[in-house]
Amino acid sequence: MPIQPNTQLKGAMSFQGIMSQSGTDDPTMIVIQDDWKGIKWTRRGVGDYIGTKTGKFLQHKMRSTLFGNNFGTTMIPISGSTTGYYQVSPGPNTDYVTVGVFADLAYTPIDLSDIGGTILIQFTQNH
């Protein structure tokens, strides 16, 4: 079943994309929906990726359509991987969104390229 753009919240801005990575390069993103028109994804370090845009995200109005009210605390298994988890959360100063990739539930960082698979990133911001 193909992934459809998020239309569940009227008047909200949404992002949906499928992230992958080669080596230690910045991640590549197949964008399904980007209402901000240009979130840039960068690798900051092992298993640490950020999405930035012009202006700020409204942290108190953001939520993940995958994690619900647990945005930034829920670990999701990585598709196509026998091990590995990821977590999406707003940055502390709303300049970016973070994606953490971990080898285990003890939060051991690992690059997405080291475990293979892809990550579905989804989040919304209410107005």
PDB file of N, CA and C in Angstrom:
ATOM      1  N   MET A   1       0.835  -1.170   0.000  1.00  0.00           N
ATOM      2  CA  MET A   1       0.000   0.000   0.000  1.00  0.00           C
ATOM      3  C   MET A   1       0.889   1.246   0.000  1.00  0.00           C
ATOM      4  N   PRO A   2       0.738   2.138  -0.970  1.00  0.00           N
ATOM      5  CA  PRO A   2       1.595   3.331  -1.030  1.00  0.00           C
ATOM      6  C   PRO A   2       1.289   4.299   0.110  1.00  0.00           C
ATOM      7  N   ILE A   3       2.307   5.065   0.502  1.00  0.00           N
ATOM      8  CA  ILE A   3       2.148   6.070   1.544  1.00  0.00           C
ATOM      9  C   ILE A   3       1.459   7.276   0.934  1.00  0.00           C
ATOM     10  N   GLN A   4       0.443   7.764   1.614  1.00  0.00           N
ATOM     11  CA  GLN A   4      -0.323   8.907   1.135  1.00  0.00           C
ATOM     12  C   GLN A   4       0.035  10.144   1.948  1.00  0.00           C
ATOM     13  N   PRO A   5      -0.016  11.330   1.326  1.00  0.00           N
ATOM     14  CA  PRO A   5       0.229  12.555   2.090  1.00  0.00           C
ATOM     15  C   PRO A   5      -0.728  12.668   3.271  1.00  0.00           C
ATOM     16  N   ASN A   6      -0.261  13.301   4.326  1.00  0.00           N
ATOM     17  CA  ASN A   6      -1.038  13.462   5.545  1.00  0.00           C
ATOM     18  C   ASN A   6      -2.091  14.542   5.353  1.00  0.00           C
ATOM     19  N   THR A   7      -3.354  14.166   5.467  1.00  0.00           N
ATOM     20  CA  THR A   7      -4.436  15.138   5.342  1.00  0.00           C
ATOM     21  C   THR A   7      -5.331  15.135   6.566  1.00  0.00           C
ATOM     22  N   GLN A   8      -4.865  14.522   7.659  1.00  0.00           N
ATOM     23  CA  GLN A   8      -5.727  14.354   8.812  1.00  0.00           C
ATOM     24  C   GLN A   8      -5.931  15.638   9.619  1.00  0.00           C
ATOM     25  N   LEU A   9      -5.051  16.609   9.523  1.00  0.00           N
ATOM     26  CA  LEU A   9      -5.189  17.835  10.293  1.00  0.00           C
ATOM     27  C   LEU A   9      -5.343  19.023   9.352  1.00  0.00           C
ATOM     28  N   LYS A  10      -6.534  19.556   9.265  1.00  0.00           N
ATOM     29  CA  LYS A  10      -6.782  20.698   8.401  1.00  0.00           C
ATOM     30  C   LYS A  10      -6.066  21.925   8.943  1.00  0.00           C
ATOM     31  N   GLY A  11      -5.409  22.681   8.081  1.00  0.00           N
ATOM     32  CA  GLY A  11      -4.701  23.884   8.488  1.00  0.00           C
ATOM     33  C   GLY A  11      -3.346  23.619   9.109  1.00  0.00           C
ATOM     34  N   ALA A  12      -2.951  22.368   9.215  1.00  0.00           N
ATOM     35  CA  ALA A  12      -1.653  22.031   9.791  1.00  0.00           C
ATOM     36  C   ALA A  12      -0.618  21.912   8.684  1.00  0.00           C
ATOM     37  N   MET A  13       0.625  22.117   9.035  1.00  0.00           N
ATOM     38  CA  MET A  13       1.726  21.890   8.109  1.00  0.00           C
ATOM     39  C   MET A  13       2.313  20.525   8.418  1.00  0.00           C
ATOM     40  N   SER A  14       2.647  19.764   7.379  1.00  0.00           N
ATOM     41  CA  SER A  14       3.119  18.398   7.568  1.00  0.00           C
ATOM     42  C   SER A  14       4.376  18.117   6.770  1.00  0.00           C
ATOM     43  N   PHE A  15       5.140  17.155   7.283  1.00  0.00           N
ATOM     44  CA  PHE A  15       6.275  16.613   6.548  1.00  0.00           C
ATOM     45  C   PHE A  15       6.175  15.097   6.595  1.00  0.00           C
ATOM     46  N   GLN A  16       6.407  14.462   5.444  1.00  0.00           N
ATOM     47  CA  GLN A  16       6.509  13.009   5.347  1.00  0.00           C
ATOM     48  C   GLN A  16       7.611  12.697   4.351  1.00  0.00           C
ATOM     49  N   GLY A  17       8.479  11.793   4.729  1.00  0.00           N
ATOM     50  CA  GLY A  17       9.546  11.391   3.825  1.00  0.00           C
ATOM     51  C   GLY A  17      10.159  10.077   4.260  1.00  0.00           C
ATOM     52  N   ILE A  18      10.871   9.445   3.347  1.00  0.00           N
ATOM     53  CA  ILE A  18      11.552   8.193   3.622  1.00  0.00           C
ATOM     54  C   ILE A  18      13.052   8.465   3.560  1.00  0.00           C
ATOM     55  N   MET A  19      13.721   8.268   4.700  1.00  0.00           N
ATOM     56  CA  MET A  19      15.142   8.571   4.828  1.00  0.00           C
ATOM     57  C   MET A  19      15.984   7.311   4.638  1.00  0.00           C
ATOM     58  N   SER A  20      17.105   7.473   3.917  1.00  0.00           N
ATOM     59  CA  SER A  20      18.118   6.420   3.814  1.00  0.00           C
ATOM     60  C   SER A  20      19.478   7.113   3.842  1.00  0.00           C
ATOM     61  N   GLN A  21      20.542   6.306   3.872  1.00  0.00           N
ATOM     62  CA  GLN A  21      21.876   6.891   3.964  1.00  0.00           C
ATOM     63  C   GLN A  21      22.892   5.956   3.329  1.00  0.00           C
ATOM     64  N   SER A  22      23.932   6.540   2.746  1.00  0.00           N
ATOM     65  CA  SER A  22      25.057   5.795   2.196  1.00  0.00           C
ATOM     66  C   SER A  22      26.323   6.232   2.916  1.00  0.00           C
ATOM     67  N   GLY A  23      27.045   5.278   3.499  1.00  0.00           N
ATOM     68  CA  GLY A  23      28.281   5.613   4.203  1.00  0.00           C
ATOM     69  C   GLY A  23      28.040   6.613   5.305  1.00  0.00           C
ATOM     70  N   THR A  24      28.895   7.652   5.355  1.00  0.00           N
ATOM     71  CA  THR A  24      28.722   8.718   6.350  1.00  0.00           C
ATOM     72  C   THR A  24      28.202   9.997   5.695  1.00  0.00           C
ATOM     73  N   ASP A  25      27.621   9.855   4.513  1.00  0.00           N
ATOM     74  CA  ASP A  25      27.043  11.006   3.811  1.00  0.00           C
ATOM     75  C   ASP A  25      25.820  11.527   4.549  1.00  0.00           C
ATOM     76  N   ASP A  26      25.412  12.756   4.189  1.00  0.00           N
ATOM     77  CA  ASP A  26      24.120  13.250   4.658  1.00  0.00           C
ATOM     78  C   ASP A  26      23.048  12.288   4.157  1.00  0.00           C
ATOM     79  N   PRO A  27      21.953  12.171   4.890  1.00  0.00           N
ATOM     80  CA  PRO A  27      20.905  11.252   4.456  1.00  0.00           C
ATOM     81  C   PRO A  27      20.224  11.750   3.185  1.00  0.00           C
ATOM     82  N   THR A  28      19.680  10.816   2.434  1.00  0.00           N
ATOM     83  CA  THR A  28      18.833  11.184   1.303  1.00  0.00           C
ATOM     84  C   THR A  28      17.388  10.992   1.741  1.00  0.00           C
ATOM     85  N   MET A  29      16.518  11.804   1.181  1.00  0.00           N
ATOM     86  CA  MET A  29      15.124  11.776   1.591  1.00  0.00           C
ATOM     87  C   MET A  29      14.239  11.725   0.351  1.00  0.00           C
ATOM     88  N   ILE A  30      13.398  10.724   0.291  1.00  0.00           N
ATOM     89  CA  ILE A  30      12.336  10.704  -0.710  1.00  0.00           C
ATOM     90  C   ILE A  30      11.172  11.446  -0.067  1.00  0.00           C
ATOM     91  N   VAL A  31      10.890  12.648  -0.543  1.00  0.00           N
ATOM     92  CA  VAL A  31       9.879  13.498   0.075  1.00  0.00           C
ATOM     93  C   VAL A  31       8.501  13.145  -0.479  1.00  0.00           C
ATOM     94  N   ILE A  32       7.594  12.859   0.432  1.00  0.00           N
ATOM     95  CA  ILE A  32       6.208  12.581   0.071  1.00  0.00           C
ATOM     96  C   ILE A  32       5.390  13.856   0.215  1.00  0.00           C
ATOM     97  N   GLN A  33       5.650  14.589   1.296  1.00  0.00           N
ATOM     98  CA  GLN A  33       4.953  15.848   1.548  1.00  0.00           C
ATOM     99  C   GLN A  33       5.865  16.756   2.358  1.00  0.00           C
ATOM    100  N   ASP A  34       6.006  18.008   1.935  1.00  0.00           N
ATOM    101  CA  ASP A  34       6.795  18.992   2.673  1.00  0.00           C
ATOM    102  C   ASP A  34       6.108  20.340   2.546  1.00  0.00           C
ATOM    103  N   ASP A  35       5.210  20.624   3.469  1.00  0.00           N
ATOM    104  CA  ASP A  35       4.482  21.890   3.429  1.00  0.00           C
ATOM    105  C   ASP A  35       5.374  23.086   3.720  1.00  0.00           C
ATOM    106  N   TRP A  36       6.577  22.843   4.281  1.00  0.00           N
ATOM    107  CA  TRP A  36       7.523  23.932   4.513  1.00  0.00           C
ATOM    108  C   TRP A  36       8.339  24.217   3.259  1.00  0.00           C
ATOM    109  N   LYS A  37       8.283  23.354   2.289  1.00  0.00           N
ATOM    110  CA  LYS A  37       8.952  23.529   0.985  1.00  0.00           C
ATOM    111  C   LYS A  37      10.458  23.685   1.115  1.00  0.00           C
ATOM    112  N   GLY A  38      11.100  22.688   1.691  1.00  0.00           N
ATOM    113  CA  GLY A  38      12.549  22.754   1.686  1.00  0.00           C
ATOM    114  C   GLY A  38      13.237  22.442   2.994  1.00  0.00           C
ATOM    115  N   ILE A  39      12.797  21.440   3.720  1.00  0.00           N
ATOM    116  CA  ILE A  39      13.542  21.024   4.905  1.00  0.00           C
ATOM    117  C   ILE A  39      14.821  20.339   4.426  1.00  0.00           C
ATOM    118  N   LYS A  40      15.959  20.776   4.941  1.00  0.00           N
ATOM    119  CA  LYS A  40      17.265  20.223   4.556  1.00  0.00           C
ATOM    120  C   LYS A  40      17.716  19.253   5.635  1.00  0.00           C
ATOM    121  N   TRP A  41      18.072  18.030   5.227  1.00  0.00           N
ATOM    122  CA  TRP A  41      18.487  16.986   6.166  1.00  0.00           C
ATOM    123  C   TRP A  41      19.991  16.821   6.124  1.00  0.00           C
ATOM    124  N   THR A  42      20.608  16.800   7.315  1.00  0.00           N
ATOM    125  CA  THR A  42      22.057  16.761   7.453  1.00  0.00           C
ATOM    126  C   THR A  42      22.447  15.748   8.527  1.00  0.00           C
ATOM    127  N   ARG A  43      23.587  15.089   8.326  1.00  0.00           N
ATOM    128  CA  ARG A  43      24.162  14.201   9.347  1.00  0.00           C
ATOM    129  C   ARG A  43      25.084  15.038  10.224  1.00  0.00           C
ATOM    130  N   ARG A  44      24.832  15.067  11.546  1.00  0.00           N
ATOM    131  CA  ARG A  44      25.697  15.797  12.476  1.00  0.00           C
ATOM    132  C   ARG A  44      26.758  14.904  13.084  1.00  0.00           C
ATOM    133  N   GLY A  45      26.476  13.631  13.161  1.00  0.00           N
ATOM    134  CA  GLY A  45      27.390  12.674  13.773  1.00  0.00           C
ATOM    135  C   GLY A  45      26.783  11.286  13.652  1.00  0.00           C
ATOM    136  N   VAL A  46      27.407  10.315  14.301  1.00  0.00           N
ATOM    137  CA  VAL A  46      26.927   8.942  14.220  1.00  0.00           C
ATOM    138  C   VAL A  46      25.473   8.856  14.696  1.00  0.00           C
ATOM    139  N   GLY A  47      24.586   8.439  13.799  1.00  0.00           N
ATOM    140  CA  GLY A  47      23.178   8.255  14.133  1.00  0.00           C
ATOM    141  C   GLY A  47      22.428   9.515  14.493  1.00  0.00           C
ATOM    142  N   ASP A  48      22.972  10.674  14.150  1.00  0.00           N
ATOM    143  CA  ASP A  48      22.395  11.965  14.543  1.00  0.00           C
ATOM    144  C   ASP A  48      22.131  12.804  13.303  1.00  0.00           C
ATOM    145  N   TYR A  49      20.862  13.021  13.000  1.00  0.00           N
ATOM    146  CA  TYR A  49      20.466  13.744  11.792  1.00  0.00           C
ATOM    147  C   TYR A  49      19.531  14.875  12.169  1.00  0.00           C
ATOM    148  N   ILE A  50      19.633  15.990  11.447  1.00  0.00           N
ATOM    149  CA  ILE A  50      18.739  17.112  11.721  1.00  0.00           C
ATOM    150  C   ILE A  50      18.090  17.590  10.425  1.00  0.00           C
ATOM    151  N   GLY A  51      16.871  18.075  10.582  1.00  0.00           N
ATOM    152  CA  GLY A  51      16.148  18.731   9.494  1.00  0.00           C
ATOM    153  C   GLY A  51      15.999  20.190   9.841  1.00  0.00           C
ATOM    154  N   THR A  52      16.491  21.067   8.965  1.00  0.00           N
ATOM    155  CA  THR A  52      16.420  22.504   9.215  1.00  0.00           C
ATOM    156  C   THR A  52      15.625  23.176   8.103  1.00  0.00           C
ATOM    157  N   LYS A  53      15.123  24.351   8.409  1.00  0.00           N
ATOM    158  CA  LYS A  53      14.364  25.135   7.436  1.00  0.00           C
ATOM    159  C   LYS A  53      14.583  26.611   7.740  1.00  0.00           C
ATOM    160  N   THR A  54      14.134  27.458   6.846  1.00  0.00           N
ATOM    161  CA  THR A  54      14.165  28.889   7.100  1.00  0.00           C
ATOM    162  C   THR A  54      13.114  29.199   8.158  1.00  0.00           C
ATOM    163  N   GLY A  55      13.488  29.932   9.175  1.00  0.00           N
ATOM    164  CA  GLY A  55      12.556  30.213  10.269  1.00  0.00           C
ATOM    165  C   GLY A  55      12.570  29.098  11.299  1.00  0.00           C
ATOM    166  N   LYS A  56      11.633  29.174  12.223  1.00  0.00           N
ATOM    167  CA  LYS A  56      11.592  28.205  13.322  1.00  0.00           C
ATOM    168  C   LYS A  56      10.352  27.323  13.226  1.00  0.00           C
ATOM    169  N   PHE A  57      10.497  26.096  13.753  1.00  0.00           N
ATOM    170  CA  PHE A  57       9.337  25.249  13.977  1.00  0.00           C
ATOM    171  C   PHE A  57       8.675  25.736  15.259  1.00  0.00           C
ATOM    172  N   LEU A  58       7.390  25.550  15.386  1.00  0.00           N
ATOM    173  CA  LEU A  58       6.690  25.910  16.615  1.00  0.00           C
ATOM    174  C   LEU A  58       6.628  24.667  17.482  1.00  0.00           C
ATOM    175  N   GLN A  59       7.644  24.493  18.324  1.00  0.00           N
ATOM    176  CA  GLN A  59       7.830  23.263  19.087  1.00  0.00           C
ATOM    177  C   GLN A  59       6.585  22.861  19.876  1.00  0.00           C
ATOM    178  N   HIS A  60       5.951  23.812  20.541  1.00  0.00           N
ATOM    179  CA  HIS A  60       4.800  23.479  21.375  1.00  0.00           C
ATOM    180  C   HIS A  60       3.586  23.065  20.549  1.00  0.00           C
ATOM    181  N   LYS A  61       3.644  23.255  19.227  1.00  0.00           N
ATOM    182  CA  LYS A  61       2.527  22.875  18.370  1.00  0.00           C
ATOM    183  C   LYS A  61       2.861  21.695  17.470  1.00  0.00           C
ATOM    184  N   MET A  62       4.028  21.082  17.670  1.00  0.00           N
ATOM    185  CA  MET A  62       4.429  19.965  16.820  1.00  0.00           C
ATOM    186  C   MET A  62       4.036  18.638  17.446  1.00  0.00           C
ATOM    187  N   ARG A  63       3.727  17.679  16.573  1.00  0.00           N
ATOM    188  CA  ARG A  63       3.501  16.313  17.025  1.00  0.00           C
ATOM    189  C   ARG A  63       3.840  15.375  15.883  1.00  0.00           C
ATOM    190  N   SER A  64       4.113  14.154  16.230  1.00  0.00           N
ATOM    191  CA  SER A  64       4.418  13.146  15.228  1.00  0.00           C
ATOM    192  C   SER A  64       3.180  12.337  14.935  1.00  0.00           C
ATOM    193  N   THR A  65       2.896  12.112  13.655  1.00  0.00           N
ATOM    194  CA  THR A  65       1.750  11.292  13.297  1.00  0.00           C
ATOM    195  C   THR A  65       2.057   9.818  13.505  1.00  0.00           C
ATOM    196  N   LEU A  66       3.332   9.464  13.747  1.00  0.00           N
ATOM    197  CA  LEU A  66       3.685   8.082  14.091  1.00  0.00           C
ATOM    198  C   LEU A  66       3.661   7.869  15.597  1.00  0.00           C
ATOM    199  N   PHE A  67       4.093   8.876  16.357  1.00  0.00           N
ATOM    200  CA  PHE A  67       4.282   8.716  17.792  1.00  0.00           C
ATOM    201  C   PHE A  67       3.150   9.309  18.624  1.00  0.00           C
ATOM    202  N   GLY A  68       2.283  10.091  18.030  1.00  0.00           N
ATOM    203  CA  GLY A  68       1.204  10.721  18.785  1.00  0.00           C
ATOM    204  C   GLY A  68       1.747  11.632  19.868  1.00  0.00           C
ATOM    205  N   ASN A  69       1.258  11.469  21.086  1.00  0.00           N
ATOM    206  CA  ASN A  69       1.679  12.321  22.196  1.00  0.00           C
ATOM    207  C   ASN A  69       3.067  11.973  22.709  1.00  0.00           C
ATOM    208  N   ASN A  70       3.665  10.891  22.201  1.00  0.00           N
ATOM    209  CA  ASN A  70       4.987  10.474  22.660  1.00  0.00           C
ATOM    210  C   ASN A  70       6.093  10.983  21.734  1.00  0.00           C
ATOM    211  N   PHE A  71       5.858  12.074  21.036  1.00  0.00           N
ATOM    212  CA  PHE A  71       6.826  12.659  20.119  1.00  0.00           C
ATOM    213  C   PHE A  71       8.123  12.906  20.860  1.00  0.00           C
ATOM    214  N   GLY A  72       9.199  12.283  20.393  1.00  0.00           N
ATOM    215  CA  GLY A  72      10.495  12.475  21.006  1.00  0.00           C
ATOM    216  C   GLY A  72      10.839  11.471  22.086  1.00  0.00           C
ATOM    217  N   THR A  73       9.921  10.551  22.397  1.00  0.00           N
ATOM    218  CA  THR A  73      10.213   9.563  23.431  1.00  0.00           C
ATOM    219  C   THR A  73      10.030   8.128  22.955  1.00  0.00           C
ATOM    220  N   THR A  74       9.293   7.902  21.895  1.00  0.00           N
ATOM    221  CA  THR A  74       9.015   6.546  21.420  1.00  0.00           C
ATOM    222  C   THR A  74      10.092   6.075  20.454  1.00  0.00           C
ATOM    223  N   MET A  75      10.547   4.845  20.634  1.00  0.00           N
ATOM    224  CA  MET A  75      11.515   4.220  19.728  1.00  0.00           C
ATOM    225  C   MET A  75      10.747   3.344  18.736  1.00  0.00           C
ATOM    226  N   ILE A  76      11.009   3.521  17.454  1.00  0.00           N
ATOM    227  CA  ILE A  76      10.334   2.778  16.390  1.00  0.00           C
ATOM    228  C   ILE A  76      11.349   1.859  15.716  1.00  0.00           C
ATOM    229  N   PRO A  77      11.025   0.567  15.486  1.00  0.00           N
ATOM    230  CA  PRO A  77      11.940  -0.319  14.758  1.00  0.00           C
ATOM    231  C   PRO A  77      12.183   0.188  13.335  1.00  0.00           C
ATOM    232  N   ILE A  78      13.382  -0.011  12.830  1.00  0.00           N
ATOM    233  CA  ILE A  78      13.730   0.444  11.481  1.00  0.00           C
ATOM    234  C   ILE A  78      13.313  -0.602  10.463  1.00  0.00           C
ATOM    235  N   SER A  79      12.602  -0.153   9.450  1.00  0.00           N
ATOM    236  CA  SER A  79      12.128  -1.035   8.382  1.00  0.00           C
ATOM    237  C   SER A  79      13.305  -1.618   7.607  1.00  0.00           C
ATOM    238  N   GLY A  80      13.275  -2.914   7.362  1.00  0.00           N
ATOM    239  CA  GLY A  80      14.324  -3.565   6.583  1.00  0.00           C
ATOM    240  C   GLY A  80      15.548  -3.925   7.394  1.00  0.00           C
ATOM    241  N   SER A  81      15.498  -3.720   8.693  1.00  0.00           N
ATOM    242  CA  SER A  81      16.642  -3.992   9.560  1.00  0.00           C
ATOM    243  C   SER A  81      16.260  -5.051  10.593  1.00  0.00           C
ATOM    244  N   THR A  82      17.194  -5.941  10.918  1.00  0.00           N
ATOM    245  CA  THR A  82      16.933  -6.923  11.966  1.00  0.00           C
ATOM    246  C   THR A  82      17.147  -6.327  13.347  1.00  0.00           C
ATOM    247  N   THR A  83      17.852  -5.223  13.398  1.00  0.00           N
ATOM    248  CA  THR A  83      18.054  -4.503  14.647  1.00  0.00           C
ATOM    249  C   THR A  83      18.078  -3.020  14.323  1.00  0.00           C
ATOM    250  N   GLY A  84      17.817  -2.210  15.258  1.00  0.00           N
ATOM    251  CA  GLY A  84      17.885  -0.769  15.046  1.00  0.00           C
ATOM    252  C   GLY A  84      16.544  -0.099  15.288  1.00  0.00           C
ATOM    253  N   TYR A  85      16.642   1.096  15.863  1.00  0.00           N
ATOM    254  CA  TYR A  85      15.466   1.874  16.218  1.00  0.00           C
ATOM    255  C   TYR A  85      15.733   3.336  15.882  1.00  0.00           C
ATOM    256  N   TYR A  86      14.659   4.108  15.804  1.00  0.00           N
ATOM    257  CA  TYR A  86      14.844   5.541  15.595  1.00  0.00           C
ATOM    258  C   TYR A  86      13.814   6.322  16.382  1.00  0.00           C
ATOM    259  N   GLN A  87      14.117   7.597  16.527  1.00  0.00           N
ATOM    260  CA  GLN A  87      13.293   8.506  17.307  1.00  0.00           C
ATOM    261  C   GLN A  87      13.330   9.872  16.616  1.00  0.00           C
ATOM    262  N   VAL A  88      12.196  10.536  16.535  1.00  0.00           N
ATOM    263  CA  VAL A  88      12.108  11.871  15.934  1.00  0.00           C
ATOM    264  C   VAL A  88      11.655  12.829  17.028  1.00  0.00           C
ATOM    265  N   SER A  89      12.322  13.985  17.140  1.00  0.00           N
ATOM    266  CA  SER A  89      11.902  14.950  18.152  1.00  0.00           C
ATOM    267  C   SER A  89      12.250  16.362  17.697  1.00  0.00           C
ATOM    268  N   PRO A  90      11.505  17.355  18.198  1.00  0.00           N
ATOM    269  CA  PRO A  90      11.845  18.741  17.871  1.00  0.00           C
ATOM    270  C   PRO A  90      13.124  19.140  18.567  1.00  0.00           C
ATOM    271  N   GLY A  91      13.909  19.981  17.925  1.00  0.00           N
ATOM    272  CA  GLY A  91      15.121  20.490  18.548  1.00  0.00           C
ATOM    273  C   GLY A  91      14.768  21.358  19.745  1.00  0.00           C
ATOM    274  N   PRO A  92      15.696  21.529  20.675  1.00  0.00           N
ATOM    275  CA  PRO A  92      15.405  22.270  21.902  1.00  0.00           C
ATOM    276  C   PRO A  92      15.089  23.743  21.677  1.00  0.00           C
ATOM    277  N   ASN A  93      15.587  24.310  20.595  1.00  0.00           N
ATOM    278  CA  ASN A  93      15.327  25.729  20.348  1.00  0.00           C
ATOM    279  C   ASN A  93      14.468  25.953  19.112  1.00  0.00           C
ATOM    280  N   THR A  94      13.826  24.918  18.626  1.00  0.00           N
ATOM    281  CA  THR A  94      12.886  24.929  17.495  1.00  0.00           C
ATOM    282  C   THR A  94      13.516  25.296  16.156  1.00  0.00           C
ATOM    283  N   ASP A  95      14.836  25.357  16.072  1.00  0.00           N
ATOM    284  CA  ASP A  95      15.481  25.627  14.795  1.00  0.00           C
ATOM    285  C   ASP A  95      15.540  24.388  13.912  1.00  0.00           C
ATOM    286  N   TYR A  96      15.317  23.229  14.481  1.00  0.00           N
ATOM    287  CA  TYR A  96      15.457  22.000  13.718  1.00  0.00           C
ATOM    288  C   TYR A  96      14.638  20.864  14.331  1.00  0.00           C
ATOM    289  N   VAL A  97      14.527  19.795  13.561  1.00  0.00           N
ATOM    290  CA  VAL A  97      13.932  18.540  14.020  1.00  0.00           C
ATOM    291  C   VAL A  97      15.058  17.518  14.031  1.00  0.00           C
ATOM    292  N   THR A  98      15.150  16.705  15.072  1.00  0.00           N
ATOM    293  CA  THR A  98      16.214  15.714  15.154  1.00  0.00           C
ATOM    294  C   THR A  98      15.675  14.315  14.880  1.00  0.00           C
ATOM    295  N   VAL A  99      16.535  13.506  14.281  1.00  0.00           N
ATOM    296  CA  VAL A  99      16.270  12.078  14.097  1.00  0.00           C
ATOM    297  C   VAL A  99      17.465  11.353  14.683  1.00  0.00           C
ATOM    298  N   GLY A 100      17.213  10.516  15.672  1.00  0.00           N
ATOM    299  CA  GLY A 100      18.267   9.703  16.269  1.00  0.00           C
ATOM    300  C   GLY A 100      18.100   8.263  15.833  1.00  0.00           C
ATOM    301  N   VAL A 101      19.198   7.627  15.418  1.00  0.00           N
ATOM    302  CA  VAL A 101      19.180   6.218  15.029  1.00  0.00           C
ATOM    303  C   VAL A 101      20.040   5.459  16.029  1.00  0.00           C
ATOM    304  N   PHE A 102      19.487   4.352  16.529  1.00  0.00           N
ATOM    305  CA  PHE A 102      20.143   3.611  17.608  1.00  0.00           C
ATOM    306  C   PHE A 102      20.207   2.125  17.292  1.00  0.00           C
ATOM    307  N   ALA A 103      21.284   1.490  17.730  1.00  0.00           N
ATOM    308  CA  ALA A 103      21.480   0.058  17.502  1.00  0.00           C
ATOM    309  C   ALA A 103      20.614  -0.779  18.430  1.00  0.00           C
ATOM    310  N   ASP A 104      20.181  -0.188  19.553  1.00  0.00           N
ATOM    311  CA  ASP A 104      19.445  -0.946  20.553  1.00  0.00           C
ATOM    312  C   ASP A 104      18.600   0.003  21.391  1.00  0.00           C
ATOM    313  N   LEU A 105      17.840  -0.555  22.305  1.00  0.00           N
ATOM    314  CA  LEU A 105      16.990   0.271  23.171  1.00  0.00           C
ATOM    315  C   LEU A 105      17.761   0.966  24.284  1.00  0.00           C
ATOM    316  N   ALA A 106      19.072   0.749  24.325  1.00  0.00           N
ATOM    317  CA  ALA A 106      19.931   1.456  25.286  1.00  0.00           C
ATOM    318  C   ALA A 106      20.472   2.755  24.670  1.00  0.00           C
ATOM    319  N   TYR A 107      19.940   3.146  23.513  1.00  0.00           N
ATOM    320  CA  TYR A 107      20.313   4.390  22.829  1.00  0.00           C
ATOM    321  C   TYR A 107      21.765   4.422  22.371  1.00  0.00           C
ATOM    322  N   THR A 108      22.297   3.298  21.907  1.00  0.00           N
ATOM    323  CA  THR A 108      23.641   3.267  21.334  1.00  0.00           C
ATOM    324  C   THR A 108      23.553   3.801  19.910  1.00  0.00           C
ATOM    325  N   PRO A 109      24.168   4.975  19.614  1.00  0.00           N
ATOM    326  CA  PRO A 109      24.027   5.552  18.279  1.00  0.00           C
ATOM    327  C   PRO A 109      24.700   4.703  17.201  1.00  0.00           C
ATOM    328  N   ILE A 110      24.086   4.693  16.032  1.00  0.00           N
ATOM    329  CA  ILE A 110      24.624   3.981  14.873  1.00  0.00           C
ATOM    330  C   ILE A 110      24.100   4.677  13.624  1.00  0.00           C
ATOM    331  N   ASP A 111      24.931   4.739  12.594  1.00  0.00           N
ATOM    332  CA  ASP A 111      24.471   5.334  11.339  1.00  0.00           C
ATOM    333  C   ASP A 111      23.454   4.425  10.674  1.00  0.00           C
ATOM    334  N   LEU A 112      22.478   5.038  10.040  1.00  0.00           N
ATOM    335  CA  LEU A 112      21.460   4.288   9.308  1.00  0.00           C
ATOM    336  C   LEU A 112      22.102   3.387   8.260  1.00  0.00           C
ATOM    337  N   SER A 113      23.175   3.859   7.633  1.00  0.00           N
ATOM    338  CA  SER A 113      23.855   3.074   6.595  1.00  0.00           C
ATOM    339  C   SER A 113      24.481   1.800   7.156  1.00  0.00           C
ATOM    340  N   ASP A 114      24.831   1.794   8.439  1.00  0.00           N
ATOM    341  CA  ASP A 114      25.454   0.623   9.052  1.00  0.00           C
ATOM    342  C   ASP A 114      24.478  -0.510   9.322  1.00  0.00           C
ATOM    343  N   ILE A 115      23.203  -0.200   9.420  1.00  0.00           N
ATOM    344  CA  ILE A 115      22.228  -1.250   9.682  1.00  0.00           C
ATOM    345  C   ILE A 115      21.275  -1.465   8.522  1.00  0.00           C
ATOM    346  N   GLY A 116      21.363  -0.604   7.507  1.00  0.00           N
ATOM    347  CA  GLY A 116      20.476  -0.755   6.353  1.00  0.00           C
ATOM    348  C   GLY A 116      19.058  -0.350   6.704  1.00  0.00           C
ATOM    349  N   GLY A 117      18.196  -0.470   5.753  1.00  0.00           N
ATOM    350  CA  GLY A 117      16.800  -0.118   5.987  1.00  0.00           C
ATOM    351  C   GLY A 117      16.522   1.347   5.706  1.00  0.00           C
ATOM    352  N   THR A 118      15.280   1.714   5.918  1.00  0.00           N
ATOM    353  CA  THR A 118      14.816   3.083   5.693  1.00  0.00           C
ATOM    354  C   THR A 118      13.988   3.524   6.896  1.00  0.00           C
ATOM    355  N   ILE A 119      13.826   4.827   7.002  1.00  0.00           N
ATOM    356  CA  ILE A 119      13.048   5.411   8.100  1.00  0.00           C
ATOM    357  C   ILE A 119      11.926   6.250   7.493  1.00  0.00           C
ATOM    358  N   LEU A 120      10.714   6.041   7.984  1.00  0.00           N
ATOM    359  CA  LEU A 120       9.596   6.895   7.615  1.00  0.00           C
ATOM    360  C   LEU A 120       9.522   8.022   8.633  1.00  0.00           C
ATOM    361  N   ILE A 121       9.716   9.257   8.156  1.00  0.00           N
ATOM    362  CA  ILE A 121       9.666  10.438   9.014  1.00  0.00           C
ATOM    363  C   ILE A 121       8.331  11.138   8.769  1.00  0.00           C
ATOM    364  N   GLN A 122       7.581  11.387   9.828  1.00  0.00           N
ATOM    365  CA  GLN A 122       6.308  12.101   9.726  1.00  0.00           C
ATOM    366  C   GLN A 122       6.135  13.009  10.936  1.00  0.00           C
ATOM    367  N   PHE A 123       5.799  14.268  10.692  1.00  0.00           N
ATOM    368  CA  PHE A 123       5.434  15.145  11.798  1.00  0.00           C
ATOM    369  C   PHE A 123       4.586  16.281  11.261  1.00  0.00           C
ATOM    370  N   THR A 124       3.808  16.898  12.156  1.00  0.00           N
ATOM    371  CA  THR A 124       2.936  18.002  11.782  1.00  0.00           C
ATOM    372  C   THR A 124       3.120  19.135  12.785  1.00  0.00           C
ATOM    373  N   GLN A 125       2.697  20.325  12.347  1.00  0.00           N
ATOM    374  CA  GLN A 125       2.707  21.490  13.227  1.00  0.00           C
ATOM    375  C   GLN A 125       1.366  22.186  13.046  1.00  0.00           C
ATOM    376  N   ASN A 126       0.595  22.305  14.106  1.00  0.00           N
ATOM    377  CA  ASN A 126      -0.673  23.026  14.046  1.00  0.00           C
ATOM    378  C   ASN A 126      -0.399  24.515  13.995  1.00  0.00           C
ATOM    379  N   HIS A 127      -1.305  25.240  13.412  1.00  0.00           N
ATOM    380  CA  HIS A 127      -1.172  26.711  13.363  1.00  0.00           C
ATOM    381  C   HIS A 127      -1.720  27.327  14.613  1.00  0.00           C
TER     382      HIS A 127
END
